[in-house]
């Protein structure tokens, strides 16, 4: 069954398509044309892909509505064929399973087999595939396809939301590639990993609901990314810094702008940048009460980490990073 959120997005596509100009030459979107673009972006056999996506950016709506699930299946098949049997395709499949709306999206009881993703039609199309494996964190689960997918996602429910000893750490250890397809850094969940791994003061402990056999059970989730961030907007401090790191490959898949980065390179640069500037991911607006309350706490926290571990190199070694 196609989740309601996917059906709603397909209806939006159809409505937009009806308003687009006619008489224009249709652009052909196929698995093969997508794979050609993936090759140009350096995506190859064996790659472990962490995909953040906006399907609407791939092509004009009048083209996408002609494809099954508006092109989501075609795109997924292209990635899977491109990375081959040794590769992995991984997507976020985050939920609305918080107990309180003040903590985050709420109202669902998490069941890994039936709870839809709240982060896009491509992620729900991945969940519809029988070979996918989903991690068991109630609010921020991921789904993966590939020979080693089960090992990739295992144990997520036993640690913090973006824990180093979970799929989030394996993205680093397995040298995965982050792909933004039609998206920007505002959707880059990996940025939260650094906040979790360094246990930043503004990460919170929250409650979520999970399905436990025939009953619903409340569980605790740790280091949850509650509250606003500076990087939730384009043109943020992190965006400007990222441009100086020279780790991005930028190209196109049809009409969508695509950015590719190695997860390990991004995390190494980000962690060091946060050690240098503990408030990098927060706003500098002195009138913003949420952010200003954490500025001094962040600085004190990083200074303690430096003292405990012997500076930047020691912190990175403690985190098992370069």
C-alpha atoms as a PDB file:
ATOM      1  CA  UNK A   1       0.000   0.000   0.000  1.00  0.00           C
ATOM      2  CA  UNK A   2       1.323   3.447  -0.912  1.00  0.00           C
ATOM      3  CA  UNK A   3       1.428   5.687   2.200  1.00  0.00           C
ATOM      4  CA  UNK A   4      -1.009   8.639   2.151  1.00  0.00           C
ATOM      5  CA  UNK A   5       1.877  11.140   2.131  1.00  0.00           C
ATOM      6  CA  UNK A   6       3.121   9.651  -1.160  1.00  0.00           C
ATOM      7  CA  UNK A   7      -0.359   9.739  -2.692  1.00  0.00           C
ATOM      8  CA  UNK A   8      -0.697  13.384  -1.656  1.00  0.00           C
ATOM      9  CA  UNK A   9       2.636  14.290  -3.244  1.00  0.00           C
ATOM     10  CA  UNK A  10       1.690  12.514  -6.475  1.00  0.00           C
ATOM     11  CA  UNK A  11      -1.545  14.537  -6.550  1.00  0.00           C
ATOM     12  CA  UNK A  12       0.490  17.742  -6.160  1.00  0.00           C
ATOM     13  CA  UNK A  13       2.625  16.642  -9.108  1.00  0.00           C
ATOM     14  CA  UNK A  14      -0.481  16.109 -11.231  1.00  0.00           C
ATOM     15  CA  UNK A  15      -1.955  19.481 -10.318  1.00  0.00           C
ATOM     16  CA  UNK A  16       1.280  21.266 -11.163  1.00  0.00           C
ATOM     17  CA  UNK A  17       1.673  19.283 -14.355  1.00  0.00           C
ATOM     18  CA  UNK A  18      -1.737  20.425 -15.528  1.00  0.00           C
ATOM     19  CA  UNK A  19      -0.613  24.040 -15.291  1.00  0.00           C
ATOM     20  CA  UNK A  20       2.700  23.644 -17.105  1.00  0.00           C
ATOM     21  CA  UNK A  21       3.144  24.794 -20.653  1.00  0.00           C
ATOM     22  CA  UNK A  22       2.394  22.270 -23.367  1.00  0.00           C
ATOM     23  CA  UNK A  23       4.033  21.894 -26.732  1.00  0.00           C
ATOM     24  CA  UNK A  24       7.535  21.609 -25.235  1.00  0.00           C
ATOM     25  CA  UNK A  25       9.815  18.667 -26.011  1.00  0.00           C
ATOM     26  CA  UNK A  26       9.607  16.105 -23.231  1.00  0.00           C
ATOM     27  CA  UNK A  27      12.862  15.347 -21.458  1.00  0.00           C
ATOM     28  CA  UNK A  28      13.400  11.598 -21.232  1.00  0.00           C
ATOM     29  CA  UNK A  29      13.937  10.413 -17.652  1.00  0.00           C
ATOM     30  CA  UNK A  30      15.052   6.792 -17.480  1.00  0.00           C
ATOM     31  CA  UNK A  31      17.192   4.649 -15.239  1.00  0.00           C
ATOM     32  CA  UNK A  32      19.915   4.812 -17.867  1.00  0.00           C
ATOM     33  CA  UNK A  33      19.949   8.617 -18.144  1.00  0.00           C
ATOM     34  CA  UNK A  34      20.077   8.934 -14.358  1.00  0.00           C
ATOM     35  CA  UNK A  35      22.982   6.462 -14.210  1.00  0.00           C
ATOM     36  CA  UNK A  36      24.863   8.510 -16.792  1.00  0.00           C
ATOM     37  CA  UNK A  37      24.598  11.527 -14.512  1.00  0.00           C
ATOM     38  CA  UNK A  38      25.593   9.475 -11.464  1.00  0.00           C
ATOM     39  CA  UNK A  39      28.754   8.402 -13.270  1.00  0.00           C
ATOM     40  CA  UNK A  40      29.623  12.040 -13.952  1.00  0.00           C
ATOM     41  CA  UNK A  41      29.183  12.742 -10.237  1.00  0.00           C
ATOM     42  CA  UNK A  42      31.658  10.018  -9.294  1.00  0.00           C
ATOM     43  CA  UNK A  43      29.109   7.525  -7.942  1.00  0.00           C
ATOM     44  CA  UNK A  44      30.432   4.035  -8.656  1.00  0.00           C
ATOM     45  CA  UNK A  45      30.197   0.350  -7.758  1.00  0.00           C
ATOM     46  CA  UNK A  46      30.558  -0.420  -4.087  1.00  0.00           C
ATOM     47  CA  UNK A  47      29.627   3.078  -2.901  1.00  0.00           C
ATOM     48  CA  UNK A  48      27.558   3.460   0.242  1.00  0.00           C
ATOM     49  CA  UNK A  49      25.110   6.267  -0.507  1.00  0.00           C
ATOM     50  CA  UNK A  50      23.260   8.377   2.075  1.00  0.00           C
ATOM     51  CA  UNK A  51      20.609  10.128  -0.001  1.00  0.00           C
ATOM     52  CA  UNK A  52      18.688  13.295   0.896  1.00  0.00           C
ATOM     53  CA  UNK A  53      16.266  14.093  -1.885  1.00  0.00           C
ATOM     54  CA  UNK A  54      13.534  16.263  -3.314  1.00  0.00           C
ATOM     55  CA  UNK A  55      11.862  14.330  -6.116  1.00  0.00           C
ATOM     56  CA  UNK A  56      10.108  17.420  -7.474  1.00  0.00           C
ATOM     57  CA  UNK A  57      13.482  18.851  -8.534  1.00  0.00           C
ATOM     58  CA  UNK A  58      14.314  15.898 -10.801  1.00  0.00           C
ATOM     59  CA  UNK A  59      12.210  16.951 -13.793  1.00  0.00           C
ATOM     60  CA  UNK A  60       9.113  18.874 -14.752  1.00  0.00           C
ATOM     61  CA  UNK A  61       5.960  17.573 -13.105  1.00  0.00           C
ATOM     62  CA  UNK A  62       4.321  16.760 -16.460  1.00  0.00           C
ATOM     63  CA  UNK A  63       7.201  14.321 -17.029  1.00  0.00           C
ATOM     64  CA  UNK A  64       7.314  12.837 -13.546  1.00  0.00           C
ATOM     65  CA  UNK A  65       3.582  12.038 -13.443  1.00  0.00           C
ATOM     66  CA  UNK A  66       4.050   9.654 -16.376  1.00  0.00           C
ATOM     67  CA  UNK A  67       6.466   7.528 -14.345  1.00  0.00           C
ATOM     68  CA  UNK A  68       5.608   4.956 -11.641  1.00  0.00           C
ATOM     69  CA  UNK A  69       5.473   6.712  -8.257  1.00  0.00           C
ATOM     70  CA  UNK A  70       6.374   9.915 -10.106  1.00  0.00           C
ATOM     71  CA  UNK A  71       9.914   8.702 -10.826  1.00  0.00           C
ATOM     72  CA  UNK A  72      10.861   7.520  -7.337  1.00  0.00           C
ATOM     73  CA  UNK A  73      11.257   3.872  -8.399  1.00  0.00           C
ATOM     74  CA  UNK A  74      13.276   4.848 -11.456  1.00  0.00           C
ATOM     75  CA  UNK A  75      15.649   6.909  -9.322  1.00  0.00           C
ATOM     76  CA  UNK A  76      16.051   4.173  -6.703  1.00  0.00           C
ATOM     77  CA  UNK A  77      16.736   1.540  -9.366  1.00  0.00           C
ATOM     78  CA  UNK A  78      19.354   3.792 -10.934  1.00  0.00           C
ATOM     79  CA  UNK A  79      21.213   4.226  -7.656  1.00  0.00           C
ATOM     80  CA  UNK A  80      21.034   0.511  -6.852  1.00  0.00           C
ATOM     81  CA  UNK A  81      22.343  -0.505 -10.275  1.00  0.00           C
ATOM     82  CA  UNK A  82      25.061   2.137 -10.121  1.00  0.00           C
ATOM     83  CA  UNK A  83      26.467   1.007  -6.746  1.00  0.00           C
ATOM     84  CA  UNK A  84      25.961  -2.701  -7.473  1.00  0.00           C
ATOM     85  CA  UNK A  85      25.603  -5.624  -5.111  1.00  0.00           C
ATOM     86  CA  UNK A  86      28.472  -4.497  -2.881  1.00  0.00           C
ATOM     87  CA  UNK A  87      27.037  -1.003  -2.435  1.00  0.00           C
ATOM     88  CA  UNK A  88      24.310   0.394  -0.201  1.00  0.00           C
ATOM     89  CA  UNK A  89      21.549   2.929  -0.735  1.00  0.00           C
ATOM     90  CA  UNK A  90      20.456   4.497   2.546  1.00  0.00           C
ATOM     91  CA  UNK A  91      17.752   7.110   3.166  1.00  0.00           C
ATOM     92  CA  UNK A  92      16.319   8.808   6.266  1.00  0.00           C
ATOM     93  CA  UNK A  93      12.855   7.546   7.192  1.00  0.00           C
ATOM     94  CA  UNK A  94      12.132   9.804  10.155  1.00  0.00           C
ATOM     95  CA  UNK A  95       8.788   9.584  11.919  1.00  0.00           C
ATOM     96  CA  UNK A  96       6.200  11.525  13.940  1.00  0.00           C
ATOM     97  CA  UNK A  97       6.624   9.318  16.999  1.00  0.00           C
ATOM     98  CA  UNK A  98       7.524  11.887  19.656  1.00  0.00           C
ATOM     99  CA  UNK A  99       5.068  11.932  22.547  1.00  0.00           C
ATOM    100  CA  UNK A 100       4.883  15.730  22.635  1.00  0.00           C
ATOM    101  CA  UNK A 101       4.768  18.211  19.769  1.00  0.00           C
ATOM    102  CA  UNK A 102       7.096  20.402  21.822  1.00  0.00           C
ATOM    103  CA  UNK A 103       9.766  17.708  21.361  1.00  0.00           C
ATOM    104  CA  UNK A 104       9.246  17.182  17.630  1.00  0.00           C
ATOM    105  CA  UNK A 105       6.753  15.691  15.151  1.00  0.00           C
ATOM    106  CA  UNK A 106       4.279  13.691  17.234  1.00  0.00           C
ATOM    107  CA  UNK A 107       1.188  11.507  16.980  1.00  0.00           C
ATOM    108  CA  UNK A 108       2.471   8.180  15.620  1.00  0.00           C
ATOM    109  CA  UNK A 109       3.424   4.932  17.331  1.00  0.00           C
ATOM    110  CA  UNK A 110       6.572   3.646  15.650  1.00  0.00           C
ATOM    111  CA  UNK A 111       6.358   0.277  13.941  1.00  0.00           C
ATOM    112  CA  UNK A 112       9.339  -0.307  11.619  1.00  0.00           C
ATOM    113  CA  UNK A 113       7.195  -2.342   9.248  1.00  0.00           C
ATOM    114  CA  UNK A 114       4.302   0.077   8.800  1.00  0.00           C
ATOM    115  CA  UNK A 115       5.154   3.602   9.990  1.00  0.00           C
ATOM    116  CA  UNK A 116       5.737   5.853   6.959  1.00  0.00           C
ATOM    117  CA  UNK A 117       8.546   8.350   6.613  1.00  0.00           C
ATOM    118  CA  UNK A 118       7.826  12.068   7.025  1.00  0.00           C
ATOM    119  CA  UNK A 119      10.784  13.139   4.848  1.00  0.00           C
ATOM    120  CA  UNK A 120       9.747  12.651   1.247  1.00  0.00           C
ATOM    121  CA  UNK A 121       8.307  10.360  -1.388  1.00  0.00           C
ATOM    122  CA  UNK A 122      11.641   8.724  -2.314  1.00  0.00           C
ATOM    123  CA  UNK A 123      12.140   7.613   1.278  1.00  0.00           C
ATOM    124  CA  UNK A 124       8.663   6.080   1.348  1.00  0.00           C
ATOM    125  CA  UNK A 125       9.290   4.355  -1.971  1.00  0.00           C
ATOM    126  CA  UNK A 126      12.373   2.767  -0.386  1.00  0.00           C
ATOM    127  CA  UNK A 127      10.224   1.605   2.540  1.00  0.00           C
ATOM    128  CA  UNK A 128       7.828  -0.069   0.088  1.00  0.00           C
ATOM    129  CA  UNK A 129      10.599  -2.313  -1.241  1.00  0.00           C
ATOM    130  CA  UNK A 130      10.719  -5.832   0.284  1.00  0.00           C
ATOM    131  CA  UNK A 131      14.526  -5.947   0.414  1.00  0.00           C
ATOM    132  CA  UNK A 132      14.940  -2.816   2.525  1.00  0.00           C
ATOM    133  CA  UNK A 133      16.086  -3.009   6.132  1.00  0.00           C
ATOM    134  CA  UNK A 134      15.093  -0.310   8.616  1.00  0.00           C
ATOM    135  CA  UNK A 135      16.847   0.751  11.801  1.00  0.00           C
ATOM    136  CA  UNK A 136      14.770   0.663  14.978  1.00  0.00           C
ATOM    137  CA  UNK A 137      15.251   4.124  16.423  1.00  0.00           C
ATOM    138  CA  UNK A 138      11.685   5.401  17.005  1.00  0.00           C
ATOM    139  CA  UNK A 139      12.055   9.026  15.845  1.00  0.00           C
ATOM    140  CA  UNK A 140      15.054   8.987  13.468  1.00  0.00           C
ATOM    141  CA  UNK A 141      15.246   5.567  11.775  1.00  0.00           C
ATOM    142  CA  UNK A 142      17.052   4.990   8.480  1.00  0.00           C
ATOM    143  CA  UNK A 143      16.323   2.451   5.740  1.00  0.00           C
ATOM    144  CA  UNK A 144      18.977   0.758   3.641  1.00  0.00           C
ATOM    145  CA  UNK A 145      19.177  -1.609   0.684  1.00  0.00           C
ATOM    146  CA  UNK A 146      22.242  -3.701  -0.100  1.00  0.00           C
ATOM    147  CA  UNK A 147      24.048  -6.906   0.763  1.00  0.00           C
ATOM    148  CA  UNK A 148      25.330  -5.512   4.069  1.00  0.00           C
ATOM    149  CA  UNK A 149      22.291  -3.366   4.878  1.00  0.00           C
ATOM    150  CA  UNK A 150      21.280  -5.349   7.966  1.00  0.00           C
ATOM    151  CA  UNK A 151      24.713  -4.888   9.529  1.00  0.00           C
ATOM    152  CA  UNK A 152      24.703  -1.232   8.498  1.00  0.00           C
ATOM    153  CA  UNK A 153      21.489  -0.372  10.394  1.00  0.00           C
ATOM    154  CA  UNK A 154      21.678  -2.714  13.397  1.00  0.00           C
ATOM    155  CA  UNK A 155      21.630  -1.524  16.986  1.00  0.00           C
ATOM    156  CA  UNK A 156      20.335   1.989  16.377  1.00  0.00           C
ATOM    157  CA  UNK A 157      17.645   1.677  19.053  1.00  0.00           C
ATOM    158  CA  UNK A 158      20.278   0.929  21.715  1.00  0.00           C
ATOM    159  CA  UNK A 159      22.140   4.239  21.502  1.00  0.00           C
ATOM    160  CA  UNK A 160      21.484   7.970  21.207  1.00  0.00           C
ATOM    161  CA  UNK A 161      19.655   9.409  18.210  1.00  0.00           C
ATOM    162  CA  UNK A 162      22.789   9.837  16.055  1.00  0.00           C
ATOM    163  CA  UNK A 163      25.115   7.673  18.160  1.00  0.00           C
ATOM    164  CA  UNK A 164      28.699   6.964  17.155  1.00  0.00           C
ATOM    165  CA  UNK A 165      28.109   3.222  17.658  1.00  0.00           C
ATOM    166  CA  UNK A 166      25.130   3.015  15.314  1.00  0.00           C
ATOM    167  CA  UNK A 167      24.359   3.360  11.634  1.00  0.00           C
ATOM    168  CA  UNK A 168      25.366   7.014  12.021  1.00  0.00           C
ATOM    169  CA  UNK A 169      28.887   6.012  13.006  1.00  0.00           C
ATOM    170  CA  UNK A 170      29.037   3.333  10.320  1.00  0.00           C
ATOM    171  CA  UNK A 171      28.334   5.979   7.691  1.00  0.00           C
ATOM    172  CA  UNK A 172      31.695   7.412   8.782  1.00  0.00           C
ATOM    173  CA  UNK A 173      33.539   4.115   9.271  1.00  0.00           C
ATOM    174  CA  UNK A 174      32.318   2.640   5.983  1.00  0.00           C
ATOM    175  CA  UNK A 175      33.310   5.824   4.108  1.00  0.00           C
ATOM    176  CA  UNK A 176      29.835   6.500   2.734  1.00  0.00           C
ATOM    177  CA  UNK A 177      28.954   9.337   0.403  1.00  0.00           C
ATOM    178  CA  UNK A 178      26.386  12.000   1.252  1.00  0.00           C
ATOM    179  CA  UNK A 179      24.190  12.932  -1.717  1.00  0.00           C
ATOM    180  CA  UNK A 180      21.905  15.964  -1.738  1.00  0.00           C
ATOM    181  CA  UNK A 181      19.573  15.549  -4.720  1.00  0.00           C
ATOM    182  CA  UNK A 182      17.625  18.751  -5.211  1.00  0.00           C
ATOM    183  CA  UNK A 183      18.263  19.675  -1.578  1.00  0.00           C
ATOM    184  CA  UNK A 184      20.749  21.762   0.406  1.00  0.00           C
ATOM    185  CA  UNK A 185      22.502  21.680   3.750  1.00  0.00           C
ATOM    186  CA  UNK A 186      19.212  22.459   5.478  1.00  0.00           C
ATOM    187  CA  UNK A 187      18.347  18.742   5.109  1.00  0.00           C
ATOM    188  CA  UNK A 188      21.804  17.383   5.957  1.00  0.00           C
ATOM    189  CA  UNK A 189      21.097  15.228   9.000  1.00  0.00           C
ATOM    190  CA  UNK A 190      24.800  14.375   9.263  1.00  0.00           C
ATOM    191  CA  UNK A 191      25.334  17.810  10.807  1.00  0.00           C
ATOM    192  CA  UNK A 192      23.404  16.584  13.852  1.00  0.00           C
ATOM    193  CA  UNK A 193      25.862  13.680  14.195  1.00  0.00           C
ATOM    194  CA  UNK A 194      28.577  16.082  15.318  1.00  0.00           C
ATOM    195  CA  UNK A 195      26.233  17.552  17.935  1.00  0.00           C
ATOM    196  CA  UNK A 196      25.473  14.075  19.254  1.00  0.00           C
ATOM    197  CA  UNK A 197      29.039  12.741  19.225  1.00  0.00           C
ATOM    198  CA  UNK A 198      30.281  15.752  21.173  1.00  0.00           C
ATOM    199  CA  UNK A 199      27.184  15.729  23.429  1.00  0.00           C
ATOM    200  CA  UNK A 200      26.438  19.409  22.869  1.00  0.00           C
ATOM    201  CA  UNK A 201      24.454  20.997  25.732  1.00  0.00           C
ATOM    202  CA  UNK A 202      21.369  21.766  23.644  1.00  0.00           C
ATOM    203  CA  UNK A 203      20.697  18.150  22.659  1.00  0.00           C
ATOM    204  CA  UNK A 204      17.733  16.903  24.677  1.00  0.00           C
ATOM    205  CA  UNK A 205      16.211  13.780  26.207  1.00  0.00           C
ATOM    206  CA  UNK A 206      12.685  13.116  24.950  1.00  0.00           C
ATOM    207  CA  UNK A 207       9.920  10.495  24.938  1.00  0.00           C
ATOM    208  CA  UNK A 208       8.600   8.540  21.962  1.00  0.00           C
ATOM    209  CA  UNK A 209       6.006   5.845  21.322  1.00  0.00           C
ATOM    210  CA  UNK A 210       6.796   2.418  19.856  1.00  0.00           C
ATOM    211  CA  UNK A 211       4.774  -0.669  19.045  1.00  0.00           C
ATOM    212  CA  UNK A 212       5.649  -3.522  21.418  1.00  0.00           C
ATOM    213  CA  UNK A 213       3.715  -6.589  20.354  1.00  0.00           C
ATOM    214  CA  UNK A 214       0.047  -5.898  20.978  1.00  0.00           C
ATOM    215  CA  UNK A 215       0.627  -2.786  23.079  1.00  0.00           C
ATOM    216  CA  UNK A 216       2.063   0.683  22.732  1.00  0.00           C
ATOM    217  CA  UNK A 217       5.085   1.542  24.851  1.00  0.00           C
ATOM    218  CA  UNK A 218       6.748   4.824  25.771  1.00  0.00           C
ATOM    219  CA  UNK A 219      10.542   4.891  25.397  1.00  0.00           C
ATOM    220  CA  UNK A 220      13.263   7.454  26.018  1.00  0.00           C
ATOM    221  CA  UNK A 221      15.325   8.907  23.173  1.00  0.00           C
ATOM    222  CA  UNK A 222      18.629  10.567  23.945  1.00  0.00           C
ATOM    223  CA  UNK A 223      20.434  13.503  22.332  1.00  0.00           C
ATOM    224  CA  UNK A 224      17.414  14.500  20.306  1.00  0.00           C
ATOM    225  CA  UNK A 225      17.836  17.517  17.983  1.00  0.00           C
ATOM    226  CA  UNK A 226      15.121  19.665  19.527  1.00  0.00           C
ATOM    227  CA  UNK A 227      15.030  23.401  18.941  1.00  0.00           C
ATOM    228  CA  UNK A 228      16.099  25.602  16.007  1.00  0.00           C
ATOM    229  CA  UNK A 229      19.518  25.760  14.347  1.00  0.00           C
ATOM    230  CA  UNK A 230      21.338  28.298  12.197  1.00  0.00           C
ATOM    231  CA  UNK A 231      21.938  25.628   9.528  1.00  0.00           C
ATOM    232  CA  UNK A 232      18.198  25.192   8.992  1.00  0.00           C
ATOM    233  CA  UNK A 233      18.474  28.141   6.578  1.00  0.00           C
ATOM    234  CA  UNK A 234      20.389  28.491   3.323  1.00  0.00           C
ATOM    235  CA  UNK A 235      23.342  30.871   3.524  1.00  0.00           C
ATOM    236  CA  UNK A 236      24.100  29.961   7.140  1.00  0.00           C
ATOM    237  CA  UNK A 237      27.527  30.093   8.763  1.00  0.00           C
ATOM    238  CA  UNK A 238      28.132  26.425   8.001  1.00  0.00           C
ATOM    239  CA  UNK A 239      27.285  26.882   4.304  1.00  0.00           C
ATOM    240  CA  UNK A 240      29.935  29.585   3.987  1.00  0.00           C
ATOM    241  CA  UNK A 241      32.509  27.478   5.783  1.00  0.00           C
ATOM    242  CA  UNK A 242      31.664  24.372   3.749  1.00  0.00           C
ATOM    243  CA  UNK A 243      32.481  26.262   0.564  1.00  0.00           C
ATOM    244  CA  UNK A 244      36.062  26.690   1.830  1.00  0.00           C
ATOM    245  CA  UNK A 245      36.639  23.017   2.622  1.00  0.00           C
ATOM    246  CA  UNK A 246      36.795  21.927  -1.035  1.00  0.00           C
ATOM    247  CA  UNK A 247      35.084  18.586  -0.384  1.00  0.00           C
ATOM    248  CA  UNK A 248      31.976  18.958  -2.583  1.00  0.00           C
ATOM    249  CA  UNK A 249      31.323  17.623  -6.066  1.00  0.00           C
ATOM    250  CA  UNK A 250      28.404  19.486  -7.638  1.00  0.00           C
ATOM    251  CA  UNK A 251      26.556  18.450 -10.773  1.00  0.00           C
ATOM    252  CA  UNK A 252      23.139  17.596 -12.145  1.00  0.00           C
ATOM    253  CA  UNK A 253      20.789  14.657 -12.376  1.00  0.00           C
ATOM    254  CA  UNK A 254      18.429  15.908 -15.029  1.00  0.00           C
ATOM    255  CA  UNK A 255      17.084  19.202 -13.630  1.00  0.00           C
ATOM    256  CA  UNK A 256      18.117  18.554 -10.036  1.00  0.00           C
ATOM    257  CA  UNK A 257      21.267  20.126  -8.639  1.00  0.00           C
ATOM    258  CA  UNK A 258      23.216  17.411  -6.827  1.00  0.00           C
ATOM    259  CA  UNK A 259      25.969  17.714  -4.229  1.00  0.00           C
ATOM    260  CA  UNK A 260      28.187  14.757  -3.299  1.00  0.00           C
ATOM    261  CA  UNK A 261      30.566  14.618  -0.332  1.00  0.00           C
ATOM    262  CA  UNK A 262      32.391  11.860   1.491  1.00  0.00           C
ATOM    263  CA  UNK A 263      30.788  11.467   4.890  1.00  0.00           C
ATOM    264  CA  UNK A 264      34.167  11.067   6.589  1.00  0.00           C
ATOM    265  CA  UNK A 265      35.583  14.255   5.083  1.00  0.00           C
ATOM    266  CA  UNK A 266      32.509  16.262   6.018  1.00  0.00           C
ATOM    267  CA  UNK A 267      32.472  14.986   9.599  1.00  0.00           C
ATOM    268  CA  UNK A 268      36.201  15.530  10.131  1.00  0.00           C
ATOM    269  CA  UNK A 269      35.937  19.117   8.900  1.00  0.00           C
ATOM    270  CA  UNK A 270      32.745  19.813  10.852  1.00  0.00           C
ATOM    271  CA  UNK A 271      33.972  18.401  14.161  1.00  0.00           C
ATOM    272  CA  UNK A 272      37.178  20.435  14.009  1.00  0.00           C
ATOM    273  CA  UNK A 273      35.214  23.540  13.053  1.00  0.00           C
ATOM    274  CA  UNK A 274      32.892  23.085  16.039  1.00  0.00           C
ATOM    275  CA  UNK A 275      35.861  22.669  18.351  1.00  0.00           C
ATOM    276  CA  UNK A 276      37.185  25.980  17.007  1.00  0.00           C
ATOM    277  CA  UNK A 277      33.740  27.635  17.110  1.00  0.00           C
ATOM    278  CA  UNK A 278      31.421  25.904  19.608  1.00  0.00           C
ATOM    279  CA  UNK A 279      28.492  28.064  18.460  1.00  0.00           C
ATOM    280  CA  UNK A 280      28.899  27.358  14.733  1.00  0.00           C
ATOM    281  CA  UNK A 281      25.492  25.702  14.403  1.00  0.00           C
ATOM    282  CA  UNK A 282      23.641  28.299  16.474  1.00  0.00           C
ATOM    283  CA  UNK A 283      22.529  31.783  15.493  1.00  0.00           C
ATOM    284  CA  UNK A 284      24.569  34.790  16.612  1.00  0.00           C
ATOM    285  CA  UNK A 285      21.461  36.928  17.110  1.00  0.00           C
ATOM    286  CA  UNK A 286      21.634  38.392  20.613  1.00  0.00           C
ATOM    287  CA  UNK A 287      17.857  38.869  20.568  1.00  0.00           C
ATOM    288  CA  UNK A 288      17.283  35.137  20.032  1.00  0.00           C
ATOM    289  CA  UNK A 289      16.801  33.770  23.543  1.00  0.00           C
ATOM    290  CA  UNK A 290      17.087  30.090  22.559  1.00  0.00           C
ATOM    291  CA  UNK A 291      20.491  30.465  20.954  1.00  0.00           C
ATOM    292  CA  UNK A 292      22.027  32.964  23.354  1.00  0.00           C
ATOM    293  CA  UNK A 293      21.303  30.728  26.347  1.00  0.00           C
ATOM    294  CA  UNK A 294      23.590  28.054  24.897  1.00  0.00           C
ATOM    295  CA  UNK A 295      26.491  30.194  23.652  1.00  0.00           C
ATOM    296  CA  UNK A 296      28.383  30.243  26.941  1.00  0.00           C
ATOM    297  CA  UNK A 297      27.387  26.666  27.777  1.00  0.00           C
ATOM    298  CA  UNK A 298      28.792  25.478  24.439  1.00  0.00           C
ATOM    299  CA  UNK A 299      32.095  27.251  24.982  1.00  0.00           C
ATOM    300  CA  UNK A 300      32.446  25.808  28.472  1.00  0.00           C
ATOM    301  CA  UNK A 301      31.583  22.346  27.188  1.00  0.00           C
ATOM    302  CA  UNK A 302      34.195  22.394  24.420  1.00  0.00           C
ATOM    303  CA  UNK A 303      36.844  23.771  26.774  1.00  0.00           C
ATOM    304  CA  UNK A 304      36.167  20.850  29.104  1.00  0.00           C
ATOM    305  CA  UNK A 305      36.484  18.388  26.221  1.00  0.00           C
ATOM    306  CA  UNK A 306      39.829  19.946  25.276  1.00  0.00           C
ATOM    307  CA  UNK A 307      41.032  19.671  28.862  1.00  0.00           C
ATOM    308  CA  UNK A 308      39.816  16.084  29.250  1.00  0.00           C
ATOM    309  CA  UNK A 309      41.251  14.839  25.954  1.00  0.00           C
ATOM    310  CA  UNK A 310      44.257  17.083  25.339  1.00  0.00           C
ATOM    311  CA  UNK A 311      43.047  19.489  22.666  1.00  0.00           C
ATOM    312  CA  UNK A 312      41.552  19.062  19.206  1.00  0.00           C
ATOM    313  CA  UNK A 313      43.614  16.011  18.246  1.00  0.00           C
ATOM    314  CA  UNK A 314      42.674  14.287  21.481  1.00  0.00           C
ATOM    315  CA  UNK A 315      38.970  14.969  21.000  1.00  0.00           C
ATOM    316  CA  UNK A 316      39.102  13.617  17.448  1.00  0.00           C
ATOM    317  CA  UNK A 317      40.909  10.485  18.626  1.00  0.00           C
ATOM    318  CA  UNK A 318      38.348  10.011  21.393  1.00  0.00           C
ATOM    319  CA  UNK A 319      35.599  10.177  18.764  1.00  0.00           C
ATOM    320  CA  UNK A 320      37.523   7.705  16.558  1.00  0.00           C
ATOM    321  CA  UNK A 321      37.808  10.314  13.825  1.00  0.00           C
ATOM    322  CA  UNK A 322      40.742  11.724  11.865  1.00  0.00           C
END
